[in-house]
């Protein structure tokens, strides 16, 4: 079977994605020394990488010539959605913002406002606005009177500040996303999920991305598959039938590693209670014996064993 083909957005996203793949353990020397080549192997022919402009990444994935793609959320919002958005990779972070000239009351009056932007499909404000598409420096539009404000990507805000503009509202957050062709996700599901889970584990382990693991799972659940109901039903049925074995398998699949154990024994509970009592007694001068008995009785009602829900 031919290797998975991944389209990467040229530039910073390309570089950061290659760094991520190297952290996972893939050899990316061919891409780092690409010269003028645009299709390159990763690892021991594990994948093929196609280097393209952002909008073309989506085109290649939608038409199935690439199985996966890494592209910014801004490009996704602007260019379409005939693919699956699998994962927020957490790098390439910036935001779409609405900005105007300083000391301008954008929301006053009843006249239709004009917004200049490179991304006419992104504006989702519930306002009667006229959109003018700009290809160059959108910051110029309010300064010359072409528009009342702009919607653009803001990273540091230094360009806005230098041109006398200020952000009056944040529209949405942007970061790099892993996307998949709809047919590829069905036909090569195991390969894609294996790479996806490796990416999740690596991104979570990388402190500089400041990721909370539960947020990753929520975003993946929200964006991954329209067939989420039958998938979740299957998981519930499997756990109900196979118990701890199924829980461990799903934990490995979704979290990247299995829990060391799924039960707390009665001895461990007693040890935790005794430790809690020692801490409380250290802080209290009140009738230690009565306090100890009361606490122990209360905790003992929980039973001899408690199960951790994975």
Protein backbone atom coordinates (compact mmCIF):
# COMPACT_ATOMS: atom_id res chain seq x y z
CA UNK A 1 0.00 0.00 0.00
CA UNK A 2 1.25 3.46 -0.84
CA UNK A 3 2.32 5.68 2.09
CA UNK A 4 -0.03 8.24 3.56
CA UNK A 5 0.37 11.59 1.83
CA UNK A 6 0.29 14.75 3.97
CA UNK A 7 -0.02 18.26 2.53
CA UNK A 8 1.84 20.88 4.57
CA UNK A 9 1.43 24.64 4.40
CA UNK A 10 4.73 26.16 3.29
CA UNK A 11 6.55 28.39 5.75
CA UNK A 12 6.20 28.48 9.51
CA UNK A 13 3.52 25.77 9.72
CA UNK A 14 5.70 23.49 7.60
CA UNK A 15 8.68 24.02 9.90
CA UNK A 16 6.71 23.49 13.12
CA UNK A 17 4.94 20.40 11.75
CA UNK A 18 8.28 18.86 10.81
CA UNK A 19 9.52 19.58 14.35
CA UNK A 20 6.43 17.79 15.69
CA UNK A 21 7.01 14.76 13.45
CA UNK A 22 10.64 14.61 14.57
CA UNK A 23 9.54 14.64 18.23
CA UNK A 24 7.27 11.70 17.45
CA UNK A 25 10.30 9.87 16.08
CA UNK A 26 10.17 10.23 12.29
CA UNK A 27 13.26 11.04 10.24
CA UNK A 28 12.54 14.30 8.38
CA UNK A 29 15.98 14.96 6.87
CA UNK A 30 14.64 14.80 3.30
CA UNK A 31 12.16 17.60 4.01
CA UNK A 32 14.72 19.71 5.85
CA UNK A 33 17.05 19.42 2.85
CA UNK A 34 14.34 19.61 0.20
CA UNK A 35 15.96 21.95 -2.28
CA UNK A 36 13.32 22.63 -4.95
CA UNK A 37 11.45 19.34 -4.45
CA UNK A 38 7.79 19.58 -3.48
CA UNK A 39 7.02 15.90 -2.73
CA UNK A 40 9.30 14.30 -0.14
CA UNK A 41 9.46 11.11 1.95
CA UNK A 42 9.22 11.03 5.75
CA UNK A 43 10.99 8.36 7.78
CA UNK A 44 11.40 4.95 6.17
CA UNK A 45 8.83 5.85 3.52
CA UNK A 46 6.22 6.08 6.31
CA UNK A 47 4.64 9.15 4.71
CA UNK A 48 4.95 11.46 1.77
CA UNK A 49 4.89 15.20 2.35
CA UNK A 50 3.51 17.62 -0.24
CA UNK A 51 4.46 21.27 0.22
CA UNK A 52 1.82 23.76 -0.90
CA UNK A 53 0.22 27.13 -0.26
CA UNK A 54 -2.41 27.15 2.47
CA UNK A 55 -5.50 27.24 0.24
CA UNK A 56 -4.04 24.51 -1.98
CA UNK A 57 -3.59 22.22 1.05
CA UNK A 58 -7.37 22.19 1.41
CA UNK A 59 -7.84 21.61 -2.33
CA UNK A 60 -5.48 18.61 -2.33
CA UNK A 61 -7.17 17.08 0.72
CA UNK A 62 -10.71 17.69 -0.57
CA UNK A 63 -9.93 16.04 -3.91
CA UNK A 64 -8.21 13.06 -2.30
CA UNK A 65 -4.73 13.45 -3.74
CA UNK A 66 -3.55 13.94 -0.15
CA UNK A 67 -4.91 11.93 2.76
CA UNK A 68 -4.09 14.52 5.42
CA UNK A 69 -3.19 18.18 5.63
CA UNK A 70 -1.87 20.71 8.12
CA UNK A 71 -3.35 24.15 7.64
CA UNK A 72 -4.35 27.20 9.68
CA UNK A 73 -7.89 27.61 10.98
CA UNK A 74 -8.06 30.92 9.10
CA UNK A 75 -7.72 29.09 5.79
CA UNK A 76 -10.36 26.56 6.84
CA UNK A 77 -12.85 29.31 7.74
CA UNK A 78 -12.23 31.09 4.46
CA UNK A 79 -12.01 28.22 1.99
CA UNK A 80 -14.42 25.44 2.83
CA UNK A 81 -15.20 22.35 4.80
CA UNK A 82 -15.50 19.23 2.58
CA UNK A 83 -13.12 17.32 4.85
CA UNK A 84 -12.74 16.27 8.47
CA UNK A 85 -11.01 18.56 10.93
CA UNK A 86 -9.32 16.07 13.26
CA UNK A 87 -7.09 17.95 15.66
CA UNK A 88 -6.06 21.37 16.91
CA UNK A 89 -2.27 21.09 16.88
CA UNK A 90 -1.77 24.07 19.18
CA UNK A 91 0.89 25.95 17.22
CA UNK A 92 0.66 28.86 14.78
CA UNK A 93 -1.54 30.63 17.30
CA UNK A 94 -3.06 34.03 16.55
CA UNK A 95 -6.55 35.56 16.37
CA UNK A 96 -8.96 37.16 13.97
CA UNK A 97 -9.82 40.63 15.21
CA UNK A 98 -12.03 43.57 14.29
CA UNK A 99 -9.97 46.76 14.42
CA UNK A 100 -10.67 50.44 13.76
CA UNK A 101 -8.91 53.76 14.06
CA UNK A 102 -8.32 54.77 17.66
CA UNK A 103 -11.12 56.67 19.39
CA UNK A 104 -13.65 55.60 16.74
CA UNK A 105 -17.12 54.49 17.88
CA UNK A 106 -17.63 51.73 15.34
CA UNK A 107 -21.01 50.64 16.71
CA UNK A 108 -22.68 54.06 16.79
CA UNK A 109 -25.24 55.25 14.24
CA UNK A 110 -27.53 53.37 11.90
CA UNK A 111 -25.55 53.51 8.68
CA UNK A 112 -24.13 50.34 7.13
CA UNK A 113 -20.54 49.80 8.19
CA UNK A 114 -17.82 48.87 5.71
CA UNK A 115 -15.19 46.27 6.65
CA UNK A 116 -12.05 45.62 4.64
CA UNK A 117 -10.47 42.18 4.88
CA UNK A 118 -8.49 39.50 3.09
CA UNK A 119 -11.01 37.00 4.47
CA UNK A 120 -14.53 37.99 3.34
CA UNK A 121 -16.03 34.65 4.44
CA UNK A 122 -14.76 34.89 8.03
CA UNK A 123 -16.80 37.83 9.28
CA UNK A 124 -19.64 36.35 11.35
CA UNK A 125 -20.88 39.45 13.12
CA UNK A 126 -24.65 39.91 13.32
CA UNK A 127 -24.43 43.31 11.73
CA UNK A 128 -25.45 44.86 8.44
CA UNK A 129 -21.98 45.32 6.98
CA UNK A 130 -20.48 45.74 3.55
CA UNK A 131 -17.36 43.69 2.88
CA UNK A 132 -14.52 44.88 0.67
CA UNK A 133 -11.86 42.29 -0.17
CA UNK A 134 -8.31 43.58 0.08
CA UNK A 135 -5.28 41.66 -1.18
CA UNK A 136 -2.53 43.80 0.34
CA UNK A 137 -2.14 45.66 3.65
CA UNK A 138 -5.66 45.90 5.04
CA UNK A 139 -4.50 48.39 7.71
CA UNK A 140 -4.47 51.03 4.98
CA UNK A 141 -8.23 50.85 4.30
CA UNK A 142 -9.48 52.80 7.37
CA UNK A 143 -6.66 55.32 7.08
CA UNK A 144 -7.64 56.38 3.54
CA UNK A 145 -11.39 56.25 4.24
CA UNK A 146 -12.15 53.08 2.27
CA UNK A 147 -13.55 51.24 5.29
CA UNK A 148 -14.77 51.84 8.84
CA UNK A 149 -12.80 48.89 10.15
CA UNK A 150 -10.86 45.78 9.22
CA UNK A 151 -11.02 42.09 10.06
CA UNK A 152 -7.55 40.58 9.97
CA UNK A 153 -5.20 38.15 11.67
CA UNK A 154 -3.51 39.67 14.72
CA UNK A 155 -0.52 38.07 16.40
CA UNK A 156 1.24 40.80 18.37
CA UNK A 157 -0.78 43.88 17.35
CA UNK A 158 2.37 45.87 16.56
CA UNK A 159 1.33 46.62 12.95
CA UNK A 160 -2.06 47.90 14.09
CA UNK A 161 -0.48 50.09 16.74
CA UNK A 162 2.07 51.52 14.31
CA UNK A 163 -0.77 52.60 12.03
CA UNK A 164 -3.00 54.13 14.69
CA UNK A 165 -5.48 51.24 14.82
CA UNK A 166 -6.78 49.26 17.79
CA UNK A 167 -8.65 46.01 18.32
CA UNK A 168 -12.25 46.56 19.40
CA UNK A 169 -13.38 42.93 19.28
CA UNK A 170 -11.80 39.49 18.98
CA UNK A 171 -13.58 37.38 16.36
CA UNK A 172 -12.06 33.92 16.90
CA UNK A 173 -8.87 32.05 17.78
CA UNK A 174 -6.65 30.53 15.09
CA UNK A 175 -4.09 27.72 15.17
CA UNK A 176 -2.82 24.91 12.97
CA UNK A 177 -5.25 22.04 12.38
CA UNK A 178 -4.86 18.47 11.14
CA UNK A 179 -7.46 17.75 8.44
CA UNK A 180 -8.32 14.52 6.60
CA UNK A 181 -9.93 13.53 3.34
CA UNK A 182 -13.36 11.99 4.00
CA UNK A 183 -12.69 8.81 2.01
CA UNK A 184 -9.18 8.38 3.43
CA UNK A 185 -10.51 8.56 6.99
CA UNK A 186 -12.74 5.58 6.24
CA UNK A 187 -10.37 3.52 4.09
CA UNK A 188 -7.17 4.19 6.07
CA UNK A 189 -8.68 4.85 9.46
CA UNK A 190 -6.19 2.77 11.49
CA UNK A 191 -3.12 4.49 9.97
CA UNK A 192 -4.59 7.96 10.37
CA UNK A 193 -5.70 7.35 13.97
CA UNK A 194 -2.25 5.99 14.84
CA UNK A 195 -0.58 9.17 13.61
CA UNK A 196 -3.27 11.35 15.19
CA UNK A 197 -2.80 9.71 18.59
CA UNK A 198 0.98 10.11 18.38
CA UNK A 199 0.49 13.78 17.60
CA UNK A 200 -1.89 14.21 20.54
CA UNK A 201 0.52 12.54 22.95
CA UNK A 202 3.44 14.65 21.72
CA UNK A 203 1.54 17.94 21.75
CA UNK A 204 0.25 17.28 25.29
CA UNK A 205 3.74 16.40 26.50
CA UNK A 206 5.17 19.61 25.04
CA UNK A 207 4.76 22.18 27.81
CA UNK A 208 5.31 25.18 25.56
CA UNK A 209 1.98 24.49 23.84
CA UNK A 210 0.16 24.95 27.18
CA UNK A 211 -2.39 22.28 26.36
CA UNK A 212 -4.94 20.88 28.74
CA UNK A 213 -5.57 17.29 27.71
CA UNK A 214 -9.31 17.42 28.27
CA UNK A 215 -9.60 20.40 25.91
CA UNK A 216 -7.91 18.38 23.19
CA UNK A 217 -10.39 15.56 23.61
CA UNK A 218 -13.34 17.96 23.57
CA UNK A 219 -12.17 19.68 20.41
CA UNK A 220 -11.47 16.41 18.69
CA UNK A 221 -14.93 15.14 19.63
CA UNK A 222 -16.58 18.32 18.36
CA UNK A 223 -14.71 18.43 15.06
CA UNK A 224 -13.95 14.87 14.10
CA UNK A 225 -16.88 12.92 12.72
CA UNK A 226 -20.54 13.52 11.94
CA UNK A 227 -21.19 9.89 12.94
CA UNK A 228 -20.29 10.60 16.56
CA UNK A 229 -23.53 9.12 17.99
CA UNK A 230 -23.02 5.58 16.66
CA UNK A 231 -19.32 5.73 17.54
CA UNK A 232 -20.07 6.73 21.15
CA UNK A 233 -22.82 4.08 21.34
CA UNK A 234 -20.32 1.45 20.24
CA UNK A 235 -17.86 2.59 22.92
CA UNK A 236 -20.53 2.47 25.64
CA UNK A 237 -21.66 -1.01 24.60
CA UNK A 238 -18.07 -2.27 24.50
CA UNK A 239 -17.32 -0.90 27.99
CA UNK A 240 -20.56 -2.35 29.36
CA UNK A 241 -19.70 -5.77 27.94
CA UNK A 242 -15.94 -5.93 28.53
CA UNK A 243 -15.47 -3.67 31.55
CA UNK A 244 -11.92 -2.76 32.58
CA UNK A 245 -10.37 -4.39 29.51
CA UNK A 246 -12.33 -2.05 27.19
CA UNK A 247 -11.60 0.98 29.39
CA UNK A 248 -7.86 0.29 29.19
CA UNK A 249 -8.01 -0.17 25.41
CA UNK A 250 -9.86 3.12 24.90
CA UNK A 251 -7.52 4.92 27.31
CA UNK A 252 -4.54 3.80 25.23
CA UNK A 253 -6.36 4.78 22.03
CA UNK A 254 -7.45 8.25 23.14
CA UNK A 255 -4.90 9.19 25.83
CA UNK A 256 -1.82 7.51 24.40
CA UNK A 257 -1.11 5.35 27.48
CA UNK A 258 -2.89 2.97 29.84
CA UNK A 259 -3.61 3.74 33.50
CA UNK A 260 -1.40 1.85 35.94
CA UNK A 261 -4.52 0.48 37.63
CA UNK A 262 -8.26 1.09 37.74
CA UNK A 263 -9.01 0.27 41.39
CA UNK A 264 -8.18 1.67 44.80
CA UNK A 265 -7.94 -1.12 47.36
CA UNK A 266 -9.35 -0.95 50.88
CA UNK A 267 -5.81 -0.80 52.30
CA UNK A 268 -5.04 2.22 50.12
CA UNK A 269 -8.27 3.90 51.25
CA UNK A 270 -7.38 3.28 54.91
CA UNK A 271 -3.90 4.71 54.32
CA UNK A 272 -5.36 7.84 52.69
CA UNK A 273 -7.80 8.27 55.59
CA UNK A 274 -5.06 7.92 58.19
CA UNK A 275 -2.92 10.45 56.34
CA UNK A 276 -5.85 12.89 56.17
CA UNK A 277 -6.49 12.43 59.88
CA UNK A 278 -2.86 13.15 60.74
CA UNK A 279 -2.95 16.37 58.72
CA UNK A 280 -6.23 17.50 60.32
CA UNK A 281 -5.08 16.66 63.84
CA UNK A 282 -1.88 18.56 63.31
CA UNK A 283 -3.95 21.67 62.58
CA UNK A 284 -6.54 21.13 65.31
CA UNK A 285 -6.45 21.31 69.11
CA UNK A 286 -10.00 19.93 69.51
CA UNK A 287 -10.62 16.50 71.13
CA UNK A 288 -8.42 14.44 68.81
CA UNK A 289 -10.01 11.05 69.59
CA UNK A 290 -13.58 12.22 68.86
CA UNK A 291 -12.45 13.94 65.66
CA UNK A 292 -10.58 10.83 64.51
CA UNK A 293 -13.56 8.53 65.11
CA UNK A 294 -15.97 10.87 63.33
CA UNK A 295 -13.79 11.21 60.24
CA UNK A 296 -13.04 7.51 60.01
CA UNK A 297 -16.72 6.56 60.32
CA UNK A 298 -17.65 8.98 57.57
CA UNK A 299 -15.02 7.72 55.14
CA UNK A 300 -15.65 4.05 55.88
CA UNK A 301 -19.20 4.37 54.52
CA UNK A 302 -17.72 4.62 51.04
CA UNK A 303 -17.11 0.84 51.10
CA UNK A 304 -14.09 -1.35 50.95
CA UNK A 305 -13.22 -0.54 47.32
CA UNK A 306 -13.70 2.48 45.08
CA UNK A 307 -13.37 2.39 41.30
CA UNK A 308 -11.69 5.12 39.31
CA UNK A 309 -13.64 6.07 36.20
CA UNK A 310 -11.15 6.35 33.38
